[in-house]
Every structure is written in C-alpha cells, then in structure tokens.
C-alpha cells in the first residue's frame, strides 16, 4: 500500500487543520451605551443665546429675537431738537419806515414828503413796503404806517388804529410809533396833523 502526499503530511502532522469559528454570543460582547442628545428646538437655542447676550452686554441692551413672526419694527431715533433761533435782523438802519401797499402815485408822493420832513441822511433811513416782525428790525427808531404794518410788526390783531396810535412804544433799544397810512391821509387830510404829532414823539428822542 503506497501512501499519497497528503497521507505523508498527515502522518507528519504537517497538513493544516481547518476549524470552523463559532459566532460569538451576544452576551459576551461588552455593552455599548449610545447616548442620544435631546431634541433642541430653535426657540430654546435663541433663548440661550439671548441669556448670553444679557450677561454680556447688560439687560438694558437686549435685542429681542423672534422666530416665525414678523420682524419687530425699528424704533425711530429721535432727532436732536435744536433750539429755536430768532430770525436775523433784516433792517439795521437808524430809522425804519414801514409802509405797505403804497400803490398810487399820490400816496408815494405823500410818503416822500414825510421822509423829506424828517431831514434824515439817506444812509440813516430804510423805507420798506412789506411788513416785518419786530425781531427782524434792529433800528433806533421805527414808524409803522397803518394797521396792517402795526399788526405784522407786533404779531397782534388790533381791530382799529385809534387805541394804538399817538403813543411812544419801546422794544429793547428801539423806539417806535404807529400812525395813519398815506391812503388814510389822502382820504382825510386832517389826519396829516396827527401823523406829524406821532413823528415828533420820535424826533424828541434823537
């Protein structure tokens, strides 16, 4: 009986032995614990972030964050209110004659005669045909011809001229009188005497 190659190797214990591995029982494996993080909502994250902001910048500067809603309106930054500044004086001559609505030639000629009677140098006199407020005039003397000029100058609503003419008024360093308008003197020439009387009140203060 002849021995084959495999028999010889088996006798010499050189033939590899194949063994089946049995699966490891689950009970022998080490237990592995899987930790699942709890669900964190977006709102809770924002609340935590807000708390960090509070601790970082202070509670009085917290910015409110909202999810799923319209953005909060941006508050308007109030403008710094500047103090009211009185209008700069527009008239700085020594004498100011305020006579609005001198349209016809006769009224203009009468006003020119009054200017000549005052005997003032041209650089001392300013004649205005539009009303001004008292804060816009920086003169030593002012003549207000008519009720319209007086109300605009004083910011009043006098109904007649009788109660405010024939008197010498003062405002700071300025003296002024209220008298008849040239149209009234043309309608009633006797008023010219009253106008001259009013002008003399100012001339006495020179």
C-alpha atoms as a PDB file:
ATOM      1  CA  UNK A   1       0.000   0.000   0.000  1.00  0.00           C
ATOM      2  CA  UNK A   2       1.507   3.230  -1.139  1.00  0.00           C
ATOM      3  CA  UNK A   3       0.991   6.448   0.794  1.00  0.00           C
ATOM      4  CA  UNK A   4      -0.010   9.558  -1.004  1.00  0.00           C
ATOM      5  CA  UNK A   5       1.366  13.024  -0.407  1.00  0.00           C
ATOM      6  CA  UNK A   6      -1.491  14.059   1.827  1.00  0.00           C
ATOM      7  CA  UNK A   7      -1.157  10.893   3.887  1.00  0.00           C
ATOM      8  CA  UNK A   8       2.512  11.545   4.450  1.00  0.00           C
ATOM      9  CA  UNK A   9       1.861  15.146   5.503  1.00  0.00           C
ATOM     10  CA  UNK A  10      -0.942  13.999   7.790  1.00  0.00           C
ATOM     11  CA  UNK A  11       1.323  11.449   9.446  1.00  0.00           C
ATOM     12  CA  UNK A  12       3.954  14.104   9.961  1.00  0.00           C
ATOM     13  CA  UNK A  13       1.245  16.441  11.259  1.00  0.00           C
ATOM     14  CA  UNK A  14       2.175  18.995   8.622  1.00  0.00           C
ATOM     15  CA  UNK A  15      -1.208  19.148   6.997  1.00  0.00           C
ATOM     16  CA  UNK A  16      -3.040  22.269   8.066  1.00  0.00           C
ATOM     17  CA  UNK A  17      -6.147  21.709  10.069  1.00  0.00           C
ATOM     18  CA  UNK A  18      -9.191  23.793   9.173  1.00  0.00           C
ATOM     19  CA  UNK A  19     -11.501  24.672  12.064  1.00  0.00           C
ATOM     20  CA  UNK A  20     -14.819  26.454  11.895  1.00  0.00           C
ATOM     21  CA  UNK A  21     -15.162  29.507  14.081  1.00  0.00           C
ATOM     22  CA  UNK A  22     -18.372  29.661  16.029  1.00  0.00           C
ATOM     23  CA  UNK A  23     -20.065  33.081  16.236  1.00  0.00           C
ATOM     24  CA  UNK A  24     -19.503  34.956  19.449  1.00  0.00           C
ATOM     25  CA  UNK A  25     -22.558  35.074  21.604  1.00  0.00           C
ATOM     26  CA  UNK A  26     -24.085  38.481  22.024  1.00  0.00           C
ATOM     27  CA  UNK A  27     -23.978  38.130  25.773  1.00  0.00           C
ATOM     28  CA  UNK A  28     -20.180  38.011  25.732  1.00  0.00           C
ATOM     29  CA  UNK A  29     -19.836  41.325  23.889  1.00  0.00           C
ATOM     30  CA  UNK A  30     -19.252  44.433  26.022  1.00  0.00           C
ATOM     31  CA  UNK A  31     -22.270  46.617  26.360  1.00  0.00           C
ATOM     32  CA  UNK A  32     -22.022  49.820  24.365  1.00  0.00           C
ATOM     33  CA  UNK A  33     -24.197  52.676  25.558  1.00  0.00           C
ATOM     34  CA  UNK A  34     -25.314  55.085  22.865  1.00  0.00           C
ATOM     35  CA  UNK A  35     -26.245  58.483  24.163  1.00  0.00           C
ATOM     36  CA  UNK A  36     -28.708  60.458  22.148  1.00  0.00           C
ATOM     37  CA  UNK A  37     -28.837  64.184  22.632  1.00  0.00           C
ATOM     38  CA  UNK A  38     -32.305  65.533  23.356  1.00  0.00           C
ATOM     39  CA  UNK A  39     -34.019  67.454  20.644  1.00  0.00           C
ATOM     40  CA  UNK A  40     -33.277  71.123  20.973  1.00  0.00           C
ATOM     41  CA  UNK A  41     -35.777  73.480  19.413  1.00  0.00           C
ATOM     42  CA  UNK A  42     -34.776  76.682  17.662  1.00  0.00           C
ATOM     43  CA  UNK A  43     -36.675  78.720  20.241  1.00  0.00           C
ATOM     44  CA  UNK A  44     -34.651  77.218  23.114  1.00  0.00           C
ATOM     45  CA  UNK A  45     -31.391  77.937  21.298  1.00  0.00           C
ATOM     46  CA  UNK A  46     -32.413  81.562  20.831  1.00  0.00           C
ATOM     47  CA  UNK A  47     -33.425  81.843  24.482  1.00  0.00           C
ATOM     48  CA  UNK A  48     -29.997  80.528  25.495  1.00  0.00           C
ATOM     49  CA  UNK A  49     -28.327  82.977  23.087  1.00  0.00           C
ATOM     50  CA  UNK A  50     -30.424  85.786  24.481  1.00  0.00           C
ATOM     51  CA  UNK A  51     -29.331  84.873  28.005  1.00  0.00           C
ATOM     52  CA  UNK A  52     -25.701  85.063  26.859  1.00  0.00           C
ATOM     53  CA  UNK A  53     -26.382  88.480  25.368  1.00  0.00           C
ATOM     54  CA  UNK A  54     -27.945  89.621  28.623  1.00  0.00           C
ATOM     55  CA  UNK A  55     -24.922  88.536  30.592  1.00  0.00           C
ATOM     56  CA  UNK A  56     -22.529  90.039  28.012  1.00  0.00           C
ATOM     57  CA  UNK A  57     -23.963  93.446  27.162  1.00  0.00           C
ATOM     58  CA  UNK A  58     -26.405  94.025  30.006  1.00  0.00           C
ATOM     59  CA  UNK A  59     -30.130  93.633  30.382  1.00  0.00           C
ATOM     60  CA  UNK A  60     -30.846  97.158  29.240  1.00  0.00           C
ATOM     61  CA  UNK A  61     -29.398  96.472  25.781  1.00  0.00           C
ATOM     62  CA  UNK A  62     -31.053  93.133  24.973  1.00  0.00           C
ATOM     63  CA  UNK A  63     -32.210  92.702  21.370  1.00  0.00           C
ATOM     64  CA  UNK A  64     -35.385  90.653  21.197  1.00  0.00           C
ATOM     65  CA  UNK A  65     -35.271  87.830  18.615  1.00  0.00           C
ATOM     66  CA  UNK A  66     -38.428  86.248  17.322  1.00  0.00           C
ATOM     67  CA  UNK A  67     -38.828  83.154  15.152  1.00  0.00           C
ATOM     68  CA  UNK A  68     -41.713  82.630  12.818  1.00  0.00           C
ATOM     69  CA  UNK A  69     -43.072  86.137  13.217  1.00  0.00           C
ATOM     70  CA  UNK A  70     -42.668  89.461  11.536  1.00  0.00           C
ATOM     71  CA  UNK A  71     -39.543  91.415  12.468  1.00  0.00           C
ATOM     72  CA  UNK A  72     -40.011  93.928  15.198  1.00  0.00           C
ATOM     73  CA  UNK A  73     -40.304  97.490  13.894  1.00  0.00           C
ATOM     74  CA  UNK A  74     -37.162  99.541  14.134  1.00  0.00           C
ATOM     75  CA  UNK A  75     -37.612 102.363  16.573  1.00  0.00           C
ATOM     76  CA  UNK A  76     -37.015 105.763  15.091  1.00  0.00           C
ATOM     77  CA  UNK A  77     -34.111 107.645  16.556  1.00  0.00           C
ATOM     78  CA  UNK A  78     -35.425 110.999  17.702  1.00  0.00           C
ATOM     79  CA  UNK A  79     -33.636 113.902  16.169  1.00  0.00           C
ATOM     80  CA  UNK A  80     -31.910 116.269  18.464  1.00  0.00           C
ATOM     81  CA  UNK A  81     -34.165 119.254  18.716  1.00  0.00           C
ATOM     82  CA  UNK A  82     -32.268 122.377  18.000  1.00  0.00           C
ATOM     83  CA  UNK A  83     -33.186 125.464  19.996  1.00  0.00           C
ATOM     84  CA  UNK A  84     -35.291 127.936  18.097  1.00  0.00           C
ATOM     85  CA  UNK A  85     -33.172 130.705  16.696  1.00  0.00           C
ATOM     86  CA  UNK A  86     -34.701 134.110  16.248  1.00  0.00           C
ATOM     87  CA  UNK A  87     -34.524 135.373  12.673  1.00  0.00           C
ATOM     88  CA  UNK A  88     -31.548 137.564  11.976  1.00  0.00           C
ATOM     89  CA  UNK A  89     -32.374 141.286  11.730  1.00  0.00           C
ATOM     90  CA  UNK A  90     -33.044 142.304   8.143  1.00  0.00           C
ATOM     91  CA  UNK A  91     -33.141 146.020   8.779  1.00  0.00           C
ATOM     92  CA  UNK A  92     -30.256 147.634  10.638  1.00  0.00           C
ATOM     93  CA  UNK A  93     -30.560 151.285   9.674  1.00  0.00           C
ATOM     94  CA  UNK A  94     -31.104 154.009  12.298  1.00  0.00           C
ATOM     95  CA  UNK A  95     -34.613 154.755  11.027  1.00  0.00           C
ATOM     96  CA  UNK A  96     -37.122 152.288   9.603  1.00  0.00           C
ATOM     97  CA  UNK A  97     -40.369 153.416   7.941  1.00  0.00           C
ATOM     98  CA  UNK A  98     -42.730 150.522   7.314  1.00  0.00           C
ATOM     99  CA  UNK A  99     -45.490 151.498   4.883  1.00  0.00           C
ATOM    100  CA  UNK A 100     -47.061 148.555   2.997  1.00  0.00           C
ATOM    101  CA  UNK A 101     -49.339 148.826  -0.058  1.00  0.00           C
ATOM    102  CA  UNK A 102     -48.312 152.229  -1.409  1.00  0.00           C
ATOM    103  CA  UNK A 103     -49.591 151.708  -4.936  1.00  0.00           C
ATOM    104  CA  UNK A 104     -50.726 155.026  -6.399  1.00  0.00           C
ATOM    105  CA  UNK A 105     -48.501 157.987  -7.216  1.00  0.00           C
ATOM    106  CA  UNK A 106     -50.269 160.329  -4.776  1.00  0.00           C
ATOM    107  CA  UNK A 107     -49.567 158.043  -1.787  1.00  0.00           C
ATOM    108  CA  UNK A 108     -45.943 157.644  -2.855  1.00  0.00           C
ATOM    109  CA  UNK A 109     -45.519 161.402  -3.172  1.00  0.00           C
ATOM    110  CA  UNK A 110     -47.015 161.961   0.291  1.00  0.00           C
ATOM    111  CA  UNK A 111     -44.676 159.401   1.818  1.00  0.00           C
ATOM    112  CA  UNK A 112     -41.748 161.087   0.119  1.00  0.00           C
ATOM    113  CA  UNK A 113     -42.760 164.420   1.643  1.00  0.00           C
ATOM    114  CA  UNK A 114     -42.801 162.836   5.096  1.00  0.00           C
ATOM    115  CA  UNK A 115     -39.275 161.456   4.519  1.00  0.00           C
ATOM    116  CA  UNK A 116     -38.064 164.922   3.494  1.00  0.00           C
ATOM    117  CA  UNK A 117     -39.662 166.489   6.591  1.00  0.00           C
ATOM    118  CA  UNK A 118     -37.644 164.155   8.838  1.00  0.00           C
ATOM    119  CA  UNK A 119     -34.425 165.592   7.336  1.00  0.00           C
ATOM    120  CA  UNK A 120     -32.530 162.333   7.564  1.00  0.00           C
ATOM    121  CA  UNK A 121     -29.450 161.277   5.630  1.00  0.00           C
ATOM    122  CA  UNK A 122     -30.097 158.500   3.056  1.00  0.00           C
ATOM    123  CA  UNK A 123     -27.815 156.073   4.908  1.00  0.00           C
ATOM    124  CA  UNK A 124     -29.846 156.547   8.110  1.00  0.00           C
ATOM    125  CA  UNK A 125     -33.206 155.640   6.579  1.00  0.00           C
ATOM    126  CA  UNK A 126     -34.805 152.453   5.307  1.00  0.00           C
ATOM    127  CA  UNK A 127     -38.283 152.574   3.760  1.00  0.00           C
ATOM    128  CA  UNK A 128     -39.992 149.177   3.470  1.00  0.00           C
ATOM    129  CA  UNK A 129     -43.196 148.459   1.561  1.00  0.00           C
ATOM    130  CA  UNK A 130     -43.575 144.999   3.070  1.00  0.00           C
ATOM    131  CA  UNK A 131     -44.343 144.180   6.697  1.00  0.00           C
ATOM    132  CA  UNK A 132     -41.651 142.953   9.070  1.00  0.00           C
ATOM    133  CA  UNK A 133     -41.740 141.482  12.544  1.00  0.00           C
ATOM    134  CA  UNK A 134     -40.167 143.298  15.441  1.00  0.00           C
ATOM    135  CA  UNK A 135     -37.413 140.641  15.713  1.00  0.00           C
ATOM    136  CA  UNK A 136     -36.362 141.435  12.132  1.00  0.00           C
ATOM    137  CA  UNK A 137     -35.762 145.117  12.735  1.00  0.00           C
ATOM    138  CA  UNK A 138     -32.724 146.446  14.542  1.00  0.00           C
ATOM    139  CA  UNK A 139     -33.215 150.190  14.319  1.00  0.00           C
ATOM    140  CA  UNK A 140     -33.207 153.011  16.809  1.00  0.00           C
ATOM    141  CA  UNK A 141     -36.494 154.420  15.514  1.00  0.00           C
ATOM    142  CA  UNK A 142     -39.387 152.896  13.567  1.00  0.00           C
ATOM    143  CA  UNK A 143     -42.588 154.338  12.098  1.00  0.00           C
ATOM    144  CA  UNK A 144     -45.455 151.965  11.332  1.00  0.00           C
ATOM    145  CA  UNK A 145     -47.918 153.387   8.819  1.00  0.00           C
ATOM    146  CA  UNK A 146     -51.336 151.798   9.079  1.00  0.00           C
ATOM    147  CA  UNK A 147     -52.992 148.933  10.973  1.00  0.00           C
ATOM    148  CA  UNK A 148     -51.582 146.200   8.744  1.00  0.00           C
ATOM    149  CA  UNK A 149     -47.985 147.240   9.400  1.00  0.00           C
ATOM    150  CA  UNK A 150     -48.666 147.506  13.137  1.00  0.00           C
ATOM    151  CA  UNK A 151     -50.231 144.051  13.474  1.00  0.00           C
ATOM    152  CA  UNK A 152     -47.494 142.400  11.414  1.00  0.00           C
ATOM    153  CA  UNK A 153     -44.767 144.144  13.391  1.00  0.00           C
ATOM    154  CA  UNK A 154     -46.252 143.352  16.808  1.00  0.00           C
ATOM    155  CA  UNK A 155     -47.844 139.989  15.955  1.00  0.00           C
ATOM    156  CA  UNK A 156     -51.227 141.277  17.159  1.00  0.00           C
ATOM    157  CA  UNK A 157     -54.770 141.521  15.786  1.00  0.00           C
ATOM    158  CA  UNK A 158     -55.833 145.049  16.640  1.00  0.00           C
ATOM    159  CA  UNK A 159     -59.160 145.914  15.029  1.00  0.00           C
ATOM    160  CA  UNK A 160     -58.645 149.689  14.877  1.00  0.00           C
ATOM    161  CA  UNK A 161     -55.825 152.198  14.926  1.00  0.00           C
ATOM    162  CA  UNK A 162     -57.308 154.574  17.482  1.00  0.00           C
ATOM    163  CA  UNK A 163     -56.242 152.576  20.542  1.00  0.00           C
ATOM    164  CA  UNK A 164     -52.589 152.167  19.498  1.00  0.00           C
ATOM    165  CA  UNK A 165     -51.582 155.419  17.760  1.00  0.00           C
ATOM    166  CA  UNK A 166     -50.396 158.629  19.385  1.00  0.00           C
ATOM    167  CA  UNK A 167     -48.082 156.778  21.792  1.00  0.00           C
ATOM    168  CA  UNK A 168     -44.377 156.132  22.017  1.00  0.00           C
ATOM    169  CA  UNK A 169     -43.544 152.442  22.292  1.00  0.00           C
ATOM    170  CA  UNK A 170     -40.226 150.808  23.107  1.00  0.00           C
ATOM    171  CA  UNK A 171     -38.729 147.421  22.300  1.00  0.00           C
ATOM    172  CA  UNK A 172     -35.261 146.873  23.729  1.00  0.00           C
ATOM    173  CA  UNK A 173     -33.310 149.884  22.448  1.00  0.00           C
ATOM    174  CA  UNK A 174     -35.801 150.734  19.718  1.00  0.00           C
ATOM    175  CA  UNK A 175     -38.470 153.462  19.858  1.00  0.00           C
ATOM    176  CA  UNK A 176     -41.443 153.242  17.521  1.00  0.00           C
ATOM    177  CA  UNK A 177     -44.811 154.853  16.824  1.00  0.00           C
ATOM    178  CA  UNK A 178     -47.930 153.732  14.977  1.00  0.00           C
ATOM    179  CA  UNK A 179     -49.657 156.278  12.762  1.00  0.00           C
ATOM    180  CA  UNK A 180     -52.019 156.683   9.807  1.00  0.00           C
ATOM    181  CA  UNK A 181     -51.348 155.208   6.385  1.00  0.00           C
ATOM    182  CA  UNK A 182     -50.840 157.645   3.442  1.00  0.00           C
ATOM    183  CA  UNK A 183     -54.086 156.377   1.878  1.00  0.00           C
ATOM    184  CA  UNK A 184     -55.967 157.454   5.032  1.00  0.00           C
ATOM    185  CA  UNK A 185     -54.323 160.895   4.915  1.00  0.00           C
ATOM    186  CA  UNK A 186     -55.314 161.306   1.280  1.00  0.00           C
ATOM    187  CA  UNK A 187     -58.892 160.372   2.171  1.00  0.00           C
ATOM    188  CA  UNK A 188     -58.871 162.728   5.178  1.00  0.00           C
ATOM    189  CA  UNK A 189     -56.192 165.466   5.006  1.00  0.00           C
ATOM    190  CA  UNK A 190     -56.876 166.439   8.651  1.00  0.00           C
ATOM    191  CA  UNK A 191     -55.025 163.257   9.672  1.00  0.00           C
ATOM    192  CA  UNK A 192     -51.743 164.768   8.483  1.00  0.00           C
ATOM    193  CA  UNK A 193     -51.564 166.786  11.694  1.00  0.00           C
ATOM    194  CA  UNK A 194     -51.889 163.625  13.795  1.00  0.00           C
ATOM    195  CA  UNK A 195     -49.168 161.916  11.744  1.00  0.00           C
ATOM    196  CA  UNK A 196     -46.810 164.830  12.331  1.00  0.00           C
ATOM    197  CA  UNK A 197     -47.575 164.702  16.046  1.00  0.00           C
ATOM    198  CA  UNK A 198     -46.655 160.998  16.104  1.00  0.00           C
ATOM    199  CA  UNK A 199     -43.378 161.671  14.280  1.00  0.00           C
ATOM    200  CA  UNK A 200     -42.460 164.378  16.758  1.00  0.00           C
ATOM    201  CA  UNK A 201     -42.590 161.795  19.530  1.00  0.00           C
ATOM    202  CA  UNK A 202     -39.645 160.046  17.862  1.00  0.00           C
ATOM    203  CA  UNK A 203     -37.789 163.213  16.898  1.00  0.00           C
ATOM    204  CA  UNK A 204     -37.797 164.267  20.550  1.00  0.00           C
ATOM    205  CA  UNK A 205     -35.855 161.088  21.382  1.00  0.00           C
ATOM    206  CA  UNK A 206     -32.994 161.806  18.948  1.00  0.00           C
END
